């Protein structure tokens, strides 16, 4: 990804985290205290790090080096609350990773809802699809009987990024369906002038591998955890 596109990614995250537009342009750490927040969020993008959350939490991690400010550090900080940590990848070009010729694609919310019903709830949560609404752009691959087998969705972030994710019913995985629908979603986002963003849990090698096949490049991490507003 060239420097200009990376600058646009930085801008989107600055606005998402409530930072000044240029806050992530230079290496080092920036912080924002939000005492009304129930989340601590740590973003690492290139050589820049951002920490946003209640004042007590921001202060508690002040002495932790950026390289060590990971999920385990936040786990200690929050007394064992569940930490969500994702690798962030971005796509700058159209890469054709489709594996299905002439796929039957639906954009209907009802078909996406049926796909989610056919998948384990934990998988939907992992893909960030547990609360899908009509504002998301969806691409659902149907079989000949119009049953949903796989789907990809993207949501706009700050009208700059397209947060792309994909999900396939368990009995039809590993045959290229997710690559097919995720390619369609990624290309649609690029056509719309957005920068596709892919989040995958750090230990999700399959998800990170799929992103690489689709032409995404890993550029950072985002870690978040729910905490009390005060201690």
Protein backbone atom coordinates (compact mmCIF):
# COMPACT_ATOMS: atom_id res chain seq x y z
CA UNK A 1 0.00 0.00 0.00
CA UNK A 2 1.42 3.35 -1.01
CA UNK A 3 1.91 6.20 1.43
CA UNK A 4 -1.11 8.17 0.22
CA UNK A 5 -3.53 5.34 0.88
CA UNK A 6 -1.95 4.68 4.26
CA UNK A 7 -2.50 8.33 5.13
CA UNK A 8 -6.19 7.90 4.29
CA UNK A 9 -6.38 4.80 6.54
CA UNK A 10 -4.76 6.80 9.34
CA UNK A 11 -7.27 9.61 8.84
CA UNK A 12 -10.22 7.21 9.07
CA UNK A 13 -8.92 5.74 12.33
CA UNK A 14 -8.22 9.17 13.79
CA UNK A 15 -11.85 10.08 13.23
CA UNK A 16 -13.09 6.71 14.48
CA UNK A 17 -11.13 7.15 17.73
CA UNK A 18 -11.92 10.85 18.16
CA UNK A 19 -8.36 12.02 17.57
CA UNK A 20 -7.08 14.99 15.62
CA UNK A 21 -6.88 14.19 11.91
CA UNK A 22 -3.08 14.10 11.86
CA UNK A 23 -2.56 12.36 15.19
CA UNK A 24 -1.28 9.09 13.69
CA UNK A 25 1.01 10.65 11.08
CA UNK A 26 4.16 10.40 13.22
CA UNK A 27 5.65 7.38 15.03
CA UNK A 28 4.95 7.08 18.75
CA UNK A 29 1.91 7.00 21.02
CA UNK A 30 -1.08 9.29 21.18
CA UNK A 31 -3.80 9.04 23.84
CA UNK A 32 -7.30 10.35 24.39
CA UNK A 33 -9.09 10.19 27.70
CA UNK A 34 -12.79 9.37 27.46
CA UNK A 35 -14.14 8.88 30.95
CA UNK A 36 -17.62 8.17 29.61
CA UNK A 37 -16.39 5.19 27.61
CA UNK A 38 -16.80 1.58 28.68
CA UNK A 39 -14.03 0.48 26.31
CA UNK A 40 -10.27 0.67 26.18
CA UNK A 41 -9.10 0.64 22.57
CA UNK A 42 -5.51 0.22 21.45
CA UNK A 43 -4.68 0.76 17.79
CA UNK A 44 -1.30 0.03 16.29
CA UNK A 45 -0.95 1.24 12.71
CA UNK A 46 2.53 1.12 11.28
CA UNK A 47 4.79 2.78 13.85
CA UNK A 48 2.00 4.78 15.50
CA UNK A 49 -0.03 3.67 18.52
CA UNK A 50 -3.25 5.15 19.87
CA UNK A 51 -4.81 4.44 23.27
CA UNK A 52 -8.36 5.63 23.98
CA UNK A 53 -10.41 4.95 27.10
CA UNK A 54 -11.18 6.03 30.66
CA UNK A 55 -8.46 8.09 32.29
CA UNK A 56 -7.52 5.47 34.86
CA UNK A 57 -6.96 2.88 32.13
CA UNK A 58 -4.95 5.20 29.89
CA UNK A 59 -2.78 6.09 32.90
CA UNK A 60 -2.38 2.42 33.87
CA UNK A 61 -0.80 1.51 30.53
CA UNK A 62 1.30 4.65 30.21
CA UNK A 63 4.48 2.84 31.28
CA UNK A 64 3.89 -0.22 29.07
CA UNK A 65 6.04 -0.03 25.90
CA UNK A 66 4.08 0.03 22.65
CA UNK A 67 5.60 -3.28 21.56
CA UNK A 68 4.22 -4.93 24.71
CA UNK A 69 0.82 -3.26 24.69
CA UNK A 70 -1.06 -6.33 23.48
CA UNK A 71 -4.03 -8.43 24.54
CA UNK A 72 -2.20 -9.96 27.50
CA UNK A 73 -1.29 -6.52 28.85
CA UNK A 74 -4.92 -5.42 28.66
CA UNK A 75 -6.03 -8.68 30.23
CA UNK A 76 -3.92 -7.88 33.28
CA UNK A 77 -5.26 -4.33 33.34
CA UNK A 78 -8.91 -5.36 33.22
CA UNK A 79 -8.78 -8.25 35.69
CA UNK A 80 -9.57 -11.00 33.23
CA UNK A 81 -12.31 -9.43 31.11
CA UNK A 82 -12.52 -10.73 27.54
CA UNK A 83 -10.17 -8.92 25.17
CA UNK A 84 -10.82 -8.72 21.42
CA UNK A 85 -7.66 -8.39 19.34
CA UNK A 86 -7.64 -8.27 15.55
CA UNK A 87 -5.04 -7.95 12.84
CA UNK A 88 -5.92 -5.14 10.42
CA UNK A 89 -5.34 -5.63 6.70
CA UNK A 90 -6.06 -3.33 3.76
CA UNK A 91 -6.57 -3.79 0.04
CA UNK A 92 -5.46 -1.26 -2.56
CA UNK A 93 -6.15 -3.13 -5.80
CA UNK A 94 -8.58 -5.46 -7.54
CA UNK A 95 -7.45 -9.08 -7.08
CA UNK A 96 -9.68 -11.84 -8.48
CA UNK A 97 -9.78 -14.67 -5.93
CA UNK A 98 -13.15 -16.07 -7.04
CA UNK A 99 -13.39 -19.87 -7.07
CA UNK A 100 -16.98 -20.26 -8.28
CA UNK A 101 -17.94 -19.65 -11.90
CA UNK A 102 -21.13 -17.62 -12.41
CA UNK A 103 -22.16 -17.61 -8.73
CA UNK A 104 -25.78 -16.96 -7.88
CA UNK A 105 -25.59 -13.88 -5.64
CA UNK A 106 -28.30 -12.28 -3.52
CA UNK A 107 -28.18 -8.87 -1.89
CA UNK A 108 -31.34 -9.45 0.14
CA UNK A 109 -31.24 -8.98 3.91
CA UNK A 110 -33.49 -12.03 4.36
CA UNK A 111 -30.94 -14.28 2.66
CA UNK A 112 -28.17 -12.93 4.86
CA UNK A 113 -30.33 -13.53 7.93
CA UNK A 114 -30.95 -17.12 6.81
CA UNK A 115 -27.20 -17.62 6.32
CA UNK A 116 -26.61 -16.49 9.89
CA UNK A 117 -29.27 -18.90 11.16
CA UNK A 118 -27.44 -21.75 9.41
CA UNK A 119 -24.13 -20.91 11.11
CA UNK A 120 -23.12 -21.34 14.78
CA UNK A 121 -23.71 -18.11 16.75
CA UNK A 122 -20.03 -17.95 17.76
CA UNK A 123 -19.05 -17.92 14.09
CA UNK A 124 -21.38 -15.01 13.39
CA UNK A 125 -19.90 -13.14 16.34
CA UNK A 126 -16.37 -13.91 15.17
CA UNK A 127 -17.23 -12.47 11.76
CA UNK A 128 -18.85 -9.41 13.35
CA UNK A 129 -22.22 -10.28 11.83
CA UNK A 130 -24.27 -10.78 14.95
CA UNK A 131 -26.01 -7.40 14.51
CA UNK A 132 -26.31 -6.90 10.77
CA UNK A 133 -28.71 -4.22 9.56
CA UNK A 134 -29.87 -2.89 6.22
CA UNK A 135 -27.04 -0.34 6.07
CA UNK A 136 -24.47 -3.04 5.27
CA UNK A 137 -23.72 -4.12 1.70
CA UNK A 138 -24.11 -7.89 1.46
CA UNK A 139 -23.23 -10.57 -1.09
CA UNK A 140 -24.79 -13.95 -0.34
CA UNK A 141 -23.97 -16.96 -2.50
CA UNK A 142 -26.97 -19.26 -3.04
CA UNK A 143 -27.14 -22.87 -4.21
CA UNK A 144 -29.45 -24.05 -7.00
CA UNK A 145 -32.33 -24.27 -4.49
CA UNK A 146 -31.66 -20.68 -3.40
CA UNK A 147 -30.31 -21.70 -0.01
CA UNK A 148 -27.53 -19.41 1.29
CA UNK A 149 -24.13 -21.07 1.56
CA UNK A 150 -21.70 -18.19 2.07
CA UNK A 151 -21.80 -14.44 2.44
CA UNK A 152 -19.61 -11.36 2.63
CA UNK A 153 -20.62 -8.01 4.07
CA UNK A 154 -19.04 -4.62 4.34
CA UNK A 155 -19.95 -1.61 6.40
CA UNK A 156 -18.62 1.90 5.78
CA UNK A 157 -16.35 3.37 8.46
CA UNK A 158 -16.20 7.17 8.49
CA UNK A 159 -17.19 7.11 4.78
CA UNK A 160 -13.55 6.15 4.09
CA UNK A 161 -13.05 2.47 4.91
CA UNK A 162 -15.15 -0.59 4.08
CA UNK A 163 -15.01 -3.14 6.92
CA UNK A 164 -15.25 -6.44 5.02
CA UNK A 165 -16.04 -9.81 6.59
CA UNK A 166 -17.18 -13.21 5.34
CA UNK A 167 -18.93 -16.32 6.67
CA UNK A 168 -19.73 -19.77 5.25
CA UNK A 169 -21.99 -22.51 6.58
CA UNK A 170 -19.82 -25.22 8.22
CA UNK A 171 -20.56 -28.03 5.76
CA UNK A 172 -19.46 -25.95 2.74
CA UNK A 173 -16.18 -24.49 3.96
CA UNK A 174 -12.74 -24.80 2.37
CA UNK A 175 -14.00 -24.97 -1.22
CA UNK A 176 -13.54 -21.32 -2.14
CA UNK A 177 -17.00 -19.93 -1.40
CA UNK A 178 -15.77 -17.31 1.08
CA UNK A 179 -13.02 -16.23 -1.31
CA UNK A 180 -15.65 -15.76 -4.00
CA UNK A 181 -18.10 -13.60 -2.04
CA UNK A 182 -15.31 -11.68 -0.29
CA UNK A 183 -13.80 -10.85 -3.69
CA UNK A 184 -17.15 -9.45 -4.82
CA UNK A 185 -17.54 -7.37 -1.65
CA UNK A 186 -13.97 -6.09 -1.84
CA UNK A 187 -14.30 -5.09 -5.49
CA UNK A 188 -17.61 -3.37 -4.82
CA UNK A 189 -16.03 -1.36 -2.01
CA UNK A 190 -13.11 -0.35 -4.23
CA UNK A 191 -15.53 0.65 -6.99
CA UNK A 192 -17.31 2.86 -4.44
CA UNK A 193 -14.07 4.70 -3.69
CA UNK A 194 -13.59 3.06 -0.27
CA UNK A 195 -10.49 1.33 1.11
CA UNK A 196 -11.39 -2.24 2.09
CA UNK A 197 -10.37 -3.23 5.61
CA UNK A 198 -10.23 -6.82 6.86
CA UNK A 199 -10.21 -7.69 10.56
CA UNK A 200 -9.20 -11.16 11.69
CA UNK A 201 -8.56 -12.38 15.22
CA UNK A 202 -4.82 -12.65 15.77
CA UNK A 203 -4.96 -16.45 16.15
CA UNK A 204 -7.33 -16.93 13.20
CA UNK A 205 -4.82 -18.16 10.64
CA UNK A 206 -7.54 -19.12 8.16
CA UNK A 207 -9.06 -15.63 8.22
CA UNK A 208 -5.69 -13.94 7.88
CA UNK A 209 -4.74 -16.32 5.08
CA UNK A 210 -7.95 -15.57 3.21
CA UNK A 211 -7.23 -11.85 3.46
CA UNK A 212 -3.80 -12.41 1.91
CA UNK A 213 -5.34 -14.40 -0.97
CA UNK A 214 -7.75 -11.52 -1.57
CA UNK A 215 -4.87 -9.05 -1.90
CA UNK A 216 -4.96 -7.49 1.56
CA UNK A 217 -1.79 -6.42 3.37
CA UNK A 218 -1.51 -6.45 7.17
CA UNK A 219 -0.64 -3.02 8.52
CA UNK A 220 -1.63 -3.06 12.18
CA UNK A 221 -3.75 -4.35 15.04
CA UNK A 222 -6.79 -3.20 16.98
CA UNK A 223 -7.42 -4.43 20.52
CA UNK A 224 -10.43 -3.55 22.67
CA UNK A 225 -11.85 -4.55 26.02
CA UNK A 226 -14.84 -3.46 28.09
CA UNK A 227 -13.90 -1.89 31.42
CA UNK A 228 -15.62 0.07 34.17
CA UNK A 229 -15.72 3.81 33.54
CA UNK A 230 -13.90 4.25 36.86
CA UNK A 231 -12.18 2.19 39.57
